N, C-alpha and C. Protein backbone atom coordinates (compact mmCIF):
# COMPACT_ATOMS: atom_id res chain seq x y z
N MET A 1 85.97 58.02 -73.79
CA MET A 1 85.91 57.03 -74.37
C MET A 1 87.34 56.29 -74.09
N GLY A 2 87.38 54.67 -73.96
CA GLY A 2 88.57 53.98 -73.95
C GLY A 2 88.67 53.36 -75.59
N ILE A 3 90.28 53.06 -75.36
CA ILE A 3 90.51 52.58 -76.61
C ILE A 3 90.11 51.48 -77.36
N ALA A 4 89.55 50.53 -76.76
CA ALA A 4 88.67 49.58 -77.13
C ALA A 4 87.22 50.20 -78.04
N GLU A 5 86.68 51.17 -77.47
CA GLU A 5 85.69 51.57 -77.64
C GLU A 5 85.48 52.62 -79.17
N ARG A 6 86.71 52.73 -78.85
CA ARG A 6 86.96 54.16 -80.11
C ARG A 6 87.43 53.39 -81.33
N LYS A 7 88.18 52.22 -80.94
CA LYS A 7 88.29 51.50 -82.29
C LYS A 7 87.07 50.99 -83.11
N GLU A 8 86.15 50.35 -81.89
CA GLU A 8 84.73 49.57 -82.34
C GLU A 8 84.22 50.63 -83.39
N ARG A 9 84.06 52.07 -83.03
CA ARG A 9 83.22 52.84 -83.31
C ARG A 9 84.05 53.30 -85.06
N GLU A 10 85.24 53.51 -84.67
CA GLU A 10 86.11 53.67 -86.15
C GLU A 10 85.42 52.60 -87.38
N LYS A 11 85.50 51.74 -86.65
CA LYS A 11 85.34 50.27 -87.26
C LYS A 11 83.82 50.20 -88.15
N GLN A 12 83.10 50.90 -87.11
CA GLN A 12 81.73 50.90 -87.81
C GLN A 12 81.88 52.09 -88.62
N GLU A 13 81.83 53.17 -88.38
CA GLU A 13 82.01 54.13 -89.41
C GLU A 13 82.58 54.06 -90.74
N LYS A 14 83.34 53.35 -90.74
CA LYS A 14 84.43 52.72 -92.12
C LYS A 14 83.36 51.72 -92.56
N ARG A 15 82.71 50.96 -91.93
CA ARG A 15 81.77 49.80 -92.36
C ARG A 15 80.57 50.82 -93.14
N ASP A 16 80.11 51.68 -92.51
CA ASP A 16 78.85 52.76 -92.95
C ASP A 16 79.58 53.46 -93.90
N LEU A 17 80.83 53.72 -94.41
CA LEU A 17 80.88 54.51 -95.45
C LEU A 17 81.25 53.33 -96.78
N ILE A 18 81.78 52.16 -96.25
CA ILE A 18 81.59 50.66 -97.65
C ILE A 18 80.51 50.95 -98.07
N VAL A 19 79.50 50.50 -97.15
CA VAL A 19 77.92 50.81 -97.59
C VAL A 19 77.52 51.35 -97.97
N ASP A 20 77.59 52.84 -97.72
CA ASP A 20 76.94 53.87 -98.27
C ASP A 20 77.30 54.09 -99.63
N ALA A 21 78.98 53.97 -99.77
CA ALA A 21 79.47 53.97 -101.39
C ALA A 21 78.96 52.79 -101.79
N ALA A 22 79.14 51.87 -101.49
CA ALA A 22 78.21 50.62 -102.42
C ALA A 22 76.91 51.23 -102.88
N ALA A 23 75.58 51.57 -102.24
CA ALA A 23 74.51 51.84 -102.34
C ALA A 23 74.39 52.97 -103.96
N ARG A 24 75.76 53.96 -104.12
CA ARG A 24 75.75 55.12 -104.51
C ARG A 24 75.90 54.28 -106.02
N ILE A 25 76.91 53.29 -105.70
CA ILE A 25 77.74 53.19 -107.22
C ILE A 25 76.76 51.70 -107.84
N PHE A 26 75.90 51.34 -106.65
CA PHE A 26 75.38 50.14 -107.14
C PHE A 26 74.51 50.73 -108.02
N ALA A 27 73.67 52.06 -107.87
CA ALA A 27 72.76 52.82 -108.28
C ALA A 27 73.01 53.00 -109.75
N GLU A 28 74.04 53.76 -109.51
CA GLU A 28 74.78 54.23 -110.64
C GLU A 28 75.26 53.18 -111.97
N GLU A 29 75.82 52.47 -111.46
CA GLU A 29 76.46 51.41 -112.39
C GLU A 29 75.76 49.92 -112.54
N GLY A 30 74.50 49.77 -111.31
CA GLY A 30 74.16 48.38 -111.74
C GLY A 30 74.90 47.21 -111.16
N TYR A 31 74.20 46.64 -110.25
CA TYR A 31 75.09 45.54 -109.59
C TYR A 31 75.80 44.69 -110.03
N GLU A 32 75.35 43.96 -111.57
CA GLU A 32 75.95 43.15 -112.26
C GLU A 32 77.57 43.69 -112.56
N ARG A 33 77.54 45.43 -112.63
CA ARG A 33 78.85 46.01 -113.24
C ARG A 33 79.67 46.81 -112.27
N THR A 34 79.25 46.51 -111.17
CA THR A 34 79.86 47.19 -109.77
C THR A 34 80.64 46.00 -109.29
N SER A 35 81.84 45.96 -108.86
CA SER A 35 83.13 45.03 -108.51
C SER A 35 83.42 45.86 -107.33
N MET A 36 83.96 44.65 -106.59
CA MET A 36 84.30 45.14 -105.09
C MET A 36 85.56 45.82 -105.55
N ARG A 37 86.23 46.12 -106.02
CA ARG A 37 87.49 46.64 -106.84
C ARG A 37 86.91 48.40 -107.16
N SER A 38 85.83 48.30 -107.88
CA SER A 38 85.49 49.85 -107.95
C SER A 38 85.37 50.70 -106.66
N ILE A 39 83.91 49.43 -105.99
CA ILE A 39 83.59 50.39 -104.83
C ILE A 39 85.11 50.94 -103.88
N ALA A 40 86.26 49.89 -103.71
CA ALA A 40 87.13 50.24 -103.08
C ALA A 40 87.82 51.48 -103.85
N GLU A 41 87.49 51.67 -104.81
CA GLU A 41 88.53 52.98 -105.55
C GLU A 41 87.77 54.28 -105.12
N ARG A 42 86.59 53.96 -105.09
CA ARG A 42 85.92 55.49 -105.12
C ARG A 42 85.96 55.75 -103.61
N ILE A 43 86.11 55.05 -102.60
CA ILE A 43 86.32 55.67 -101.55
C ILE A 43 87.97 55.75 -101.15
N GLU A 44 88.67 55.08 -101.82
CA GLU A 44 90.09 55.19 -101.62
C GLU A 44 90.49 54.41 -100.75
N TYR A 45 90.31 52.98 -100.51
CA TYR A 45 90.37 51.90 -99.78
C TYR A 45 90.79 50.86 -100.71
N SER A 46 91.66 49.89 -100.05
CA SER A 46 92.49 48.46 -101.36
C SER A 46 91.50 48.10 -100.82
N PRO A 47 90.98 47.00 -102.19
CA PRO A 47 89.63 45.81 -102.32
C PRO A 47 90.38 45.41 -100.69
N ALA A 48 91.44 45.12 -100.32
CA ALA A 48 91.69 43.71 -99.08
C ALA A 48 90.85 44.33 -97.77
N THR A 49 90.95 45.59 -97.67
CA THR A 49 89.87 46.43 -96.86
C THR A 49 88.43 46.15 -96.83
N ILE A 50 88.25 45.98 -98.15
CA ILE A 50 86.22 45.64 -98.30
C ILE A 50 85.91 44.56 -97.56
N TYR A 51 87.31 43.36 -98.18
CA TYR A 51 86.93 42.40 -97.88
C TYR A 51 87.42 41.55 -96.09
N LEU A 52 87.68 42.59 -95.22
CA LEU A 52 87.68 42.32 -94.14
C LEU A 52 86.39 42.64 -93.74
N TYR A 53 85.40 43.32 -94.18
CA TYR A 53 83.96 43.67 -93.68
C TYR A 53 82.63 42.51 -94.74
N PHE A 54 83.30 42.64 -95.43
CA PHE A 54 82.44 41.61 -96.27
C PHE A 54 82.91 40.42 -97.21
N LYS A 55 82.37 39.27 -96.90
CA LYS A 55 83.36 38.25 -97.92
C LYS A 55 82.78 38.49 -99.17
N ASP A 56 81.73 39.04 -100.14
CA ASP A 56 81.58 38.75 -101.32
C ASP A 56 80.50 39.89 -101.78
N LYS A 57 80.46 40.57 -102.88
CA LYS A 57 78.86 41.51 -103.30
C LYS A 57 77.96 41.39 -102.65
N ASP A 58 77.56 40.14 -102.85
CA ASP A 58 76.34 39.58 -102.48
C ASP A 58 76.13 39.96 -100.80
N GLU A 59 77.23 39.69 -100.09
CA GLU A 59 76.84 39.97 -98.64
C GLU A 59 76.60 41.28 -98.72
N LEU A 60 77.54 42.44 -99.36
CA LEU A 60 77.69 43.79 -99.14
C LEU A 60 76.20 44.27 -99.80
N LEU A 61 76.09 43.85 -101.12
CA LEU A 61 74.34 44.25 -101.24
C LEU A 61 73.65 43.94 -100.15
N HIS A 62 73.59 43.07 -99.19
CA HIS A 62 72.62 42.42 -98.50
C HIS A 62 72.62 43.38 -97.06
N ALA A 63 73.59 44.03 -96.66
CA ALA A 63 74.44 45.14 -95.94
C ALA A 63 73.65 46.56 -96.32
N VAL A 64 73.57 46.85 -97.72
CA VAL A 64 72.89 48.07 -98.12
C VAL A 64 71.38 48.23 -98.09
N HIS A 65 71.18 46.94 -98.49
CA HIS A 65 69.28 46.67 -97.67
C HIS A 65 69.04 46.70 -96.89
N GLU A 66 69.93 46.16 -95.58
CA GLU A 66 69.46 46.14 -93.93
C GLU A 66 69.32 47.42 -94.10
N LEU A 67 70.23 48.36 -94.68
CA LEU A 67 70.61 49.51 -94.02
C LEU A 67 69.61 50.75 -94.34
N GLY A 68 68.75 50.17 -95.99
CA GLY A 68 67.60 50.98 -96.74
C GLY A 68 66.62 50.94 -95.65
N PHE A 69 66.52 49.58 -95.26
CA PHE A 69 64.95 49.37 -94.29
C PHE A 69 64.87 50.02 -93.21
N GLY A 70 66.24 49.74 -92.77
CA GLY A 70 66.55 50.41 -90.90
C GLY A 70 66.36 52.17 -91.58
N LEU A 71 66.73 53.16 -92.26
CA LEU A 71 66.42 54.33 -92.26
C LEU A 71 64.73 54.41 -92.50
N LEU A 72 64.59 53.63 -93.54
CA LEU A 72 62.39 53.78 -93.76
C LEU A 72 62.11 53.68 -92.27
N MET A 73 62.24 52.64 -92.03
CA MET A 73 61.46 52.24 -90.36
C MET A 73 61.85 53.91 -89.61
N LYS A 74 63.02 53.86 -89.59
CA LYS A 74 63.35 55.13 -89.12
C LYS A 74 62.47 56.12 -88.91
N GLU A 75 62.56 56.46 -90.42
CA GLU A 75 61.28 57.48 -90.55
C GLU A 75 60.00 57.47 -90.19
N MET A 76 59.25 56.32 -90.51
CA MET A 76 58.00 55.84 -90.70
C MET A 76 57.67 55.87 -88.67
N SER A 77 58.76 55.19 -88.44
CA SER A 77 58.60 55.19 -86.90
C SER A 77 57.98 56.19 -85.78
N LYS A 78 59.03 57.40 -86.59
CA LYS A 78 58.25 59.02 -86.14
C LYS A 78 56.78 59.06 -85.83
N VAL A 79 55.97 58.65 -86.59
CA VAL A 79 54.58 59.27 -86.48
C VAL A 79 53.83 57.60 -85.54
N ALA A 80 54.44 56.74 -85.26
CA ALA A 80 54.17 55.88 -84.69
C ALA A 80 52.93 56.01 -83.25
N ALA A 81 53.43 57.06 -83.03
CA ALA A 81 52.37 57.39 -81.57
C ALA A 81 51.21 58.47 -82.02
N VAL A 82 51.00 58.38 -83.09
CA VAL A 82 49.76 59.35 -83.73
C VAL A 82 48.90 58.60 -83.33
N ALA A 83 47.83 59.20 -82.71
CA ALA A 83 46.86 58.42 -81.81
C ALA A 83 45.87 58.06 -83.19
N ASP A 84 45.43 59.40 -83.56
CA ASP A 84 44.10 59.07 -84.91
C ASP A 84 45.00 58.17 -86.10
N PRO A 85 44.41 56.93 -85.85
CA PRO A 85 44.85 55.95 -87.19
C PRO A 85 44.86 56.35 -88.56
N LEU A 86 44.01 56.85 -88.90
CA LEU A 86 44.09 57.54 -90.38
C LEU A 86 44.89 58.45 -90.41
N GLU A 87 45.13 59.37 -89.96
CA GLU A 87 45.98 60.43 -89.66
C GLU A 87 47.74 59.95 -89.80
N ARG A 88 48.14 58.52 -88.85
CA ARG A 88 48.73 58.17 -88.85
C ARG A 88 49.09 57.23 -89.99
N LEU A 89 48.38 56.94 -90.97
CA LEU A 89 48.63 56.56 -91.99
C LEU A 89 48.57 57.25 -92.89
N ARG A 90 48.40 57.96 -92.95
CA ARG A 90 48.59 59.22 -94.08
C ARG A 90 50.10 59.75 -93.83
N LEU A 91 50.37 59.79 -92.69
CA LEU A 91 51.87 60.18 -91.97
C LEU A 91 52.88 59.15 -92.73
N ILE A 92 52.52 57.86 -92.48
CA ILE A 92 53.02 56.70 -92.80
C ILE A 92 53.56 56.81 -94.49
N SER A 93 52.38 56.66 -95.21
CA SER A 93 52.42 56.94 -96.19
C SER A 93 53.28 58.20 -97.35
N LEU A 94 53.44 59.41 -96.31
CA LEU A 94 54.34 60.64 -96.47
C LEU A 94 55.44 60.46 -96.60
N GLU A 95 55.99 60.01 -95.16
CA GLU A 95 57.23 59.54 -94.89
C GLU A 95 57.92 58.41 -95.79
N TYR A 96 56.70 57.55 -96.53
CA TYR A 96 57.65 56.80 -97.49
C TYR A 96 57.83 57.34 -98.48
N VAL A 97 57.18 58.36 -99.05
CA VAL A 97 57.49 59.27 -100.38
C VAL A 97 58.65 59.73 -99.80
N ARG A 98 58.66 60.76 -99.09
CA ARG A 98 59.94 61.43 -98.50
C ARG A 98 61.46 60.33 -98.48
N PHE A 99 61.32 59.25 -98.36
CA PHE A 99 62.28 58.07 -97.81
C PHE A 99 62.80 58.09 -99.56
N CYS A 100 61.88 58.11 -100.16
CA CYS A 100 62.06 57.57 -102.07
C CYS A 100 62.77 59.09 -101.99
N PHE A 101 62.23 60.39 -102.06
CA PHE A 101 62.80 61.35 -102.41
C PHE A 101 64.39 61.77 -102.02
N GLU A 102 64.32 60.74 -100.64
CA GLU A 102 65.58 61.60 -99.83
C GLU A 102 66.78 60.79 -100.00
N HIS A 103 66.52 59.53 -100.58
CA HIS A 103 67.51 58.26 -100.59
C HIS A 103 66.82 57.56 -101.56
N PRO A 104 67.24 57.92 -103.08
CA PRO A 104 66.42 57.41 -104.07
C PRO A 104 67.44 56.32 -104.56
N GLN A 105 68.71 56.26 -104.31
CA GLN A 105 69.46 55.04 -104.60
C GLN A 105 69.41 53.64 -103.57
N TYR A 106 68.83 54.08 -102.18
CA TYR A 106 68.55 53.02 -101.36
C TYR A 106 66.74 52.70 -101.90
N TYR A 107 66.12 53.42 -101.99
CA TYR A 107 64.86 53.25 -102.95
C TYR A 107 64.52 52.58 -103.98
N ASN A 108 65.68 52.41 -104.86
CA ASN A 108 65.74 51.50 -106.06
C ASN A 108 66.11 49.91 -106.09
N LEU A 109 67.05 50.33 -105.10
CA LEU A 109 67.57 48.91 -104.90
C LEU A 109 66.56 48.28 -103.75
N MET A 110 66.34 48.55 -103.02
CA MET A 110 65.13 48.13 -101.81
C MET A 110 63.78 47.56 -102.82
N PHE A 111 63.51 47.89 -103.58
CA PHE A 111 62.36 48.02 -104.35
C PHE A 111 61.89 47.92 -105.73
N ASN A 112 62.75 47.81 -106.60
CA ASN A 112 63.01 48.12 -108.12
C ASN A 112 64.00 47.20 -108.22
N SER A 113 64.81 46.71 -107.77
CA SER A 113 66.03 45.65 -108.38
C SER A 113 65.68 44.10 -107.91
N LEU A 114 66.01 43.36 -108.38
CA LEU A 114 65.99 41.99 -108.40
C LEU A 114 66.69 41.25 -107.04
N GLU A 115 68.00 41.75 -107.41
CA GLU A 115 69.50 41.10 -106.76
C GLU A 115 69.02 40.91 -105.23
N PRO A 116 68.46 41.95 -104.10
CA PRO A 116 68.26 41.76 -103.32
C PRO A 116 67.68 40.26 -102.94
N LEU A 117 66.49 40.40 -103.24
CA LEU A 117 65.51 39.26 -103.23
C LEU A 117 66.22 37.90 -103.62
N ASN A 118 66.85 37.97 -104.60
CA ASN A 118 67.75 36.58 -104.88
C ASN A 118 68.92 36.29 -103.85
N TYR A 119 69.66 37.19 -103.02
CA TYR A 119 70.14 36.99 -101.80
C TYR A 119 69.08 36.60 -100.96
N TYR A 120 68.45 37.04 -100.66
CA TYR A 120 67.28 36.76 -99.31
C TYR A 120 67.01 35.29 -99.50
N GLU A 121 66.20 34.82 -100.69
CA GLU A 121 66.18 33.34 -100.91
C GLU A 121 66.84 32.49 -100.64
N ASP A 122 68.19 32.87 -100.73
CA ASP A 122 69.47 31.81 -100.67
C ASP A 122 69.85 31.45 -99.27
N HIS A 123 69.33 32.92 -98.69
CA HIS A 123 70.38 32.87 -97.37
C HIS A 123 69.44 33.02 -96.16
N CYS A 124 68.07 33.81 -96.42
CA CYS A 124 67.35 33.90 -94.96
C CYS A 124 66.22 34.66 -95.66
N ASN A 125 65.37 34.70 -94.33
CA ASN A 125 63.80 35.16 -94.60
C ASN A 125 64.17 37.07 -94.83
N TRP A 126 63.34 37.41 -95.46
CA TRP A 126 63.13 38.52 -95.89
C TRP A 126 62.82 39.82 -94.36
N ASP A 127 63.22 39.87 -93.21
CA ASP A 127 62.81 40.26 -92.48
C ASP A 127 62.46 41.43 -92.02
N THR A 128 63.38 42.43 -92.76
CA THR A 128 63.52 43.62 -92.68
C THR A 128 62.42 44.28 -93.78
N GLY A 129 62.00 43.76 -94.94
CA GLY A 129 61.10 44.50 -95.37
C GLY A 129 59.59 44.43 -94.78
N ARG A 130 59.61 42.91 -94.28
CA ARG A 130 58.67 42.21 -93.95
C ARG A 130 58.33 43.39 -92.45
N LYS A 131 58.88 43.90 -91.94
CA LYS A 131 58.71 44.91 -90.42
C LYS A 131 58.00 46.08 -90.93
N ALA A 132 58.29 46.64 -92.35
CA ALA A 132 57.58 47.64 -92.80
C ALA A 132 56.71 47.44 -93.36
N PHE A 133 56.22 46.29 -94.00
CA PHE A 133 54.78 45.90 -94.51
C PHE A 133 53.81 45.94 -93.22
N ASP A 134 54.38 45.02 -92.06
CA ASP A 134 53.69 44.84 -90.86
C ASP A 134 53.32 46.20 -90.22
N PHE A 135 54.51 47.21 -89.87
CA PHE A 135 54.28 48.40 -90.12
C PHE A 135 52.62 48.85 -90.58
N LEU A 136 53.02 48.91 -91.42
CA LEU A 136 51.62 49.49 -92.34
C LEU A 136 50.74 48.42 -91.82
N GLN A 137 50.65 47.46 -92.37
CA GLN A 137 49.30 46.64 -91.76
C GLN A 137 48.61 46.89 -90.81
N TYR A 138 49.27 47.11 -89.66
CA TYR A 138 48.91 47.54 -88.07
C TYR A 138 48.16 48.65 -88.25
N ALA A 139 48.92 49.52 -89.03
CA ALA A 139 47.89 51.38 -89.06
C ALA A 139 46.52 50.74 -89.94
N ILE A 140 46.58 49.78 -91.39
CA ILE A 140 45.52 49.57 -91.80
C ILE A 140 44.13 49.01 -90.93
N GLU A 141 44.90 48.05 -90.01
CA GLU A 141 43.99 47.69 -89.63
C GLU A 141 43.21 48.13 -88.05
N ASP A 142 43.91 49.11 -87.95
CA ASP A 142 43.59 49.93 -86.76
C ASP A 142 42.69 50.97 -87.35
N CYS A 143 42.51 51.41 -88.64
CA CYS A 143 41.75 52.25 -89.34
C CYS A 143 40.39 51.51 -89.34
N MET A 144 40.77 50.76 -89.96
CA MET A 144 39.39 49.77 -89.71
C MET A 144 38.49 49.11 -88.83
N GLN A 145 39.20 48.74 -87.71
CA GLN A 145 38.87 48.62 -86.31
C GLN A 145 37.50 49.86 -86.12
N LYS A 146 38.40 50.94 -85.96
CA LYS A 146 37.12 52.29 -85.83
C LYS A 146 36.84 52.35 -86.60
N GLY A 147 36.14 51.92 -87.99
CA GLY A 147 35.38 52.15 -88.72
C GLY A 147 35.62 53.30 -89.50
N LEU A 148 36.78 53.45 -89.48
CA LEU A 148 37.50 54.69 -90.46
C LEU A 148 37.27 54.66 -92.44
N ILE A 149 37.85 53.18 -92.77
CA ILE A 149 38.09 53.02 -93.71
C ILE A 149 37.41 51.61 -94.25
N VAL A 150 36.74 51.19 -95.72
CA VAL A 150 36.59 50.71 -95.89
C VAL A 150 37.28 48.87 -95.38
N GLU A 151 36.16 48.04 -95.39
CA GLU A 151 36.44 46.70 -94.73
C GLU A 151 36.89 46.24 -95.83
N GLN A 152 38.44 45.40 -95.88
CA GLN A 152 38.69 44.39 -96.64
C GLN A 152 39.56 43.48 -95.83
N GLU A 153 39.84 42.19 -96.48
CA GLU A 153 41.01 41.19 -96.10
C GLU A 153 42.63 42.27 -95.65
N PRO A 154 42.94 42.38 -94.18
CA PRO A 154 43.91 43.07 -94.01
C PRO A 154 45.61 43.52 -94.86
N LYS A 155 45.89 41.72 -94.97
CA LYS A 155 47.05 41.73 -95.94
C LYS A 155 46.48 42.50 -97.11
N SER A 156 45.68 41.83 -97.74
CA SER A 156 45.05 42.20 -99.50
C SER A 156 44.90 43.45 -99.45
N LEU A 157 44.24 44.60 -98.47
CA LEU A 157 44.16 45.86 -98.64
C LEU A 157 45.83 46.62 -98.18
N THR A 158 46.46 45.73 -97.74
CA THR A 158 48.11 46.97 -97.00
C THR A 158 48.67 46.58 -98.72
N PHE A 159 48.60 45.66 -99.18
CA PHE A 159 49.13 45.31 -100.53
C PHE A 159 48.84 46.27 -101.24
N PHE A 160 47.71 46.61 -101.36
CA PHE A 160 47.07 47.64 -102.29
C PHE A 160 47.69 48.60 -102.11
N CYS A 161 47.36 49.58 -100.44
CA CYS A 161 48.06 50.21 -100.87
C CYS A 161 49.28 51.08 -100.96
N TRP A 162 50.52 49.68 -100.56
CA TRP A 162 51.72 49.61 -100.56
C TRP A 162 51.97 49.91 -102.12
N SER A 163 51.21 48.83 -102.97
CA SER A 163 51.57 48.86 -104.34
C SER A 163 51.05 50.53 -105.11
N PHE A 164 50.06 50.92 -104.24
CA PHE A 164 49.50 52.83 -104.79
C PHE A 164 50.93 53.52 -105.07
N VAL A 165 51.08 53.63 -103.70
CA VAL A 165 52.26 54.61 -103.45
C VAL A 165 53.09 54.26 -104.12
N HIS A 166 53.76 52.58 -104.06
CA HIS A 166 54.85 52.35 -104.50
C HIS A 166 54.70 52.60 -106.41
N GLY A 167 53.59 52.88 -106.66
CA GLY A 167 53.56 52.90 -107.77
C GLY A 167 54.12 54.27 -108.18
N MET A 168 53.36 55.19 -107.48
CA MET A 168 53.65 56.37 -108.05
C MET A 168 55.00 56.99 -107.66
N VAL A 169 55.58 56.58 -107.00
CA VAL A 169 57.14 57.10 -106.36
C VAL A 169 58.13 56.28 -107.79
N SER A 170 57.69 55.08 -107.88
CA SER A 170 58.63 54.67 -108.94
C SER A 170 58.21 55.38 -110.43
N LEU A 171 57.28 55.84 -110.51
CA LEU A 171 57.20 56.86 -111.88
C LEU A 171 58.07 57.53 -111.77
N TYR A 172 58.04 58.31 -110.74
CA TYR A 172 58.95 59.58 -110.88
C TYR A 172 60.17 59.34 -110.54
N THR A 173 60.94 57.49 -109.56
CA THR A 173 62.29 57.86 -109.92
C THR A 173 62.99 57.17 -111.48
N ARG A 174 61.86 56.99 -112.30
CA ARG A 174 62.22 56.61 -112.88
C ARG A 174 61.82 57.55 -114.52
N ASN A 175 61.57 58.73 -113.81
CA ASN A 175 61.62 59.47 -114.61
C ASN A 175 60.38 59.73 -115.87
N ARG A 176 59.19 59.13 -115.22
CA ARG A 176 58.42 58.61 -116.25
C ARG A 176 57.46 59.87 -116.12
N LEU A 177 57.44 60.58 -115.24
CA LEU A 177 56.63 61.12 -115.28
C LEU A 177 56.59 62.94 -116.42
N ARG A 178 58.13 62.79 -116.55
CA ARG A 178 58.43 63.79 -117.40
C ARG A 178 57.60 63.94 -118.83
N ALA A 179 56.54 62.91 -118.74
CA ALA A 179 55.73 62.61 -120.02
C ALA A 179 54.83 63.46 -120.12
N LEU A 180 54.12 63.89 -118.69
CA LEU A 180 53.35 64.79 -118.15
C LEU A 180 53.57 66.46 -118.44
N ASP A 181 54.90 66.53 -119.47
CA ASP A 181 55.74 68.29 -118.87
C ASP A 181 55.22 68.74 -117.58
N LEU A 182 55.78 68.17 -116.41
CA LEU A 182 55.66 68.21 -115.05
C LEU A 182 57.26 68.60 -114.67
N SER A 183 57.38 69.92 -113.90
CA SER A 183 58.78 70.08 -113.30
C SER A 183 59.08 68.83 -112.10
N ASP A 184 60.28 68.96 -111.61
CA ASP A 184 60.39 68.27 -110.43
C ASP A 184 59.60 68.67 -109.44
N GLU A 185 59.07 69.88 -108.77
CA GLU A 185 58.56 70.20 -107.75
C GLU A 185 56.96 69.77 -107.88
N GLU A 186 56.43 70.07 -109.20
CA GLU A 186 55.21 69.75 -109.64
C GLU A 186 54.81 68.13 -109.66
N SER A 187 56.03 67.21 -109.91
CA SER A 187 55.89 65.84 -109.89
C SER A 187 55.77 65.73 -108.30
N ARG A 188 56.69 66.32 -107.60
CA ARG A 188 56.67 65.95 -106.20
C ARG A 188 54.79 66.24 -105.69
N ALA A 189 54.74 67.50 -106.02
CA ALA A 189 53.50 67.88 -105.26
C ALA A 189 52.32 67.09 -105.66
N LEU A 190 52.30 66.43 -106.81
CA LEU A 190 51.37 65.49 -107.39
C LEU A 190 51.54 64.40 -107.06
N ILE A 191 52.62 63.65 -106.42
CA ILE A 191 52.59 62.31 -105.33
C ILE A 191 51.87 63.18 -104.14
N PHE A 192 52.10 63.73 -103.55
CA PHE A 192 51.23 64.23 -102.06
C PHE A 192 50.26 64.57 -102.59
N THR A 193 49.92 65.12 -103.60
CA THR A 193 48.21 65.05 -103.67
C THR A 193 47.68 63.75 -103.71
N GLY A 194 48.21 62.94 -104.44
CA GLY A 194 47.80 61.31 -104.75
C GLY A 194 47.63 60.28 -103.57
N VAL A 195 48.74 61.00 -102.26
CA VAL A 195 48.44 60.31 -100.73
C VAL A 195 47.22 60.35 -100.52
N ASN A 196 47.10 61.90 -100.33
CA ASN A 196 45.72 62.06 -99.96
C ASN A 196 44.21 62.16 -100.56
N THR A 197 44.34 61.90 -102.08
CA THR A 197 43.26 61.56 -103.30
C THR A 197 42.56 60.28 -102.68
N TRP A 198 44.07 58.79 -102.23
CA TRP A 198 43.63 57.86 -102.40
C TRP A 198 43.20 57.37 -101.00
N LEU A 199 43.37 58.08 -100.02
CA LEU A 199 43.32 57.99 -98.75
C LEU A 199 41.89 58.66 -98.30
N ASP A 200 41.39 59.60 -99.31
CA ASP A 200 39.79 60.11 -99.30
C ASP A 200 39.29 58.72 -100.07
N LEU A 201 39.49 58.02 -100.76
CA LEU A 201 38.84 56.98 -101.61
C LEU A 201 38.90 55.94 -100.62
N MET A 202 39.38 55.82 -100.00
CA MET A 202 39.37 54.70 -98.49
C MET A 202 38.62 55.21 -97.76
N LYS A 203 38.13 55.83 -97.81
CA LYS A 203 37.04 56.33 -96.31
C LYS A 203 36.09 55.76 -95.87
N LYS A 204 35.38 55.33 -95.51
CA LYS A 204 33.77 55.14 -95.06
C LYS A 204 32.83 56.43 -95.80
């Protein structure tokens, strides 16, 4: 590896470290209470170093959001080649749930926080979020075309499916399932069972 390639790799690694630290601090402290200085202190960088990569906190939050959706799409894409569309839909849903369990700080910033959407409204389209939605919709359309699930307007049904699974995992991330006197393991098992139950109800 040449000097230029090594420097570029080191630059990317430093950027990734900043983004990952920001995701954790945004999740712990909240977006409004987090400063660029507090992020720099957490990873023992100077604030000036952070500003070499991101012009402000909004741009850094945008990077967190983009990275989170990249991770989600990477996980869901693992099942893209599954031939049975109903099984593919089930596996996509389970990967979505697992993403929430494994990356709660990203999940809450991506789906339960207003700040990223405020940034997108001011700067650009929500391409990363739309890509994940379209991936789910394609699986649902494939199921309908093969007569495996009830026929509805595709986008509306995709929205329903996403909302159903999102609702379950959001109750989990917000600790609302404690009201059911369930352990963490039992709560996770209940969500996985819920995904399978929802798909059974969708079948023709």
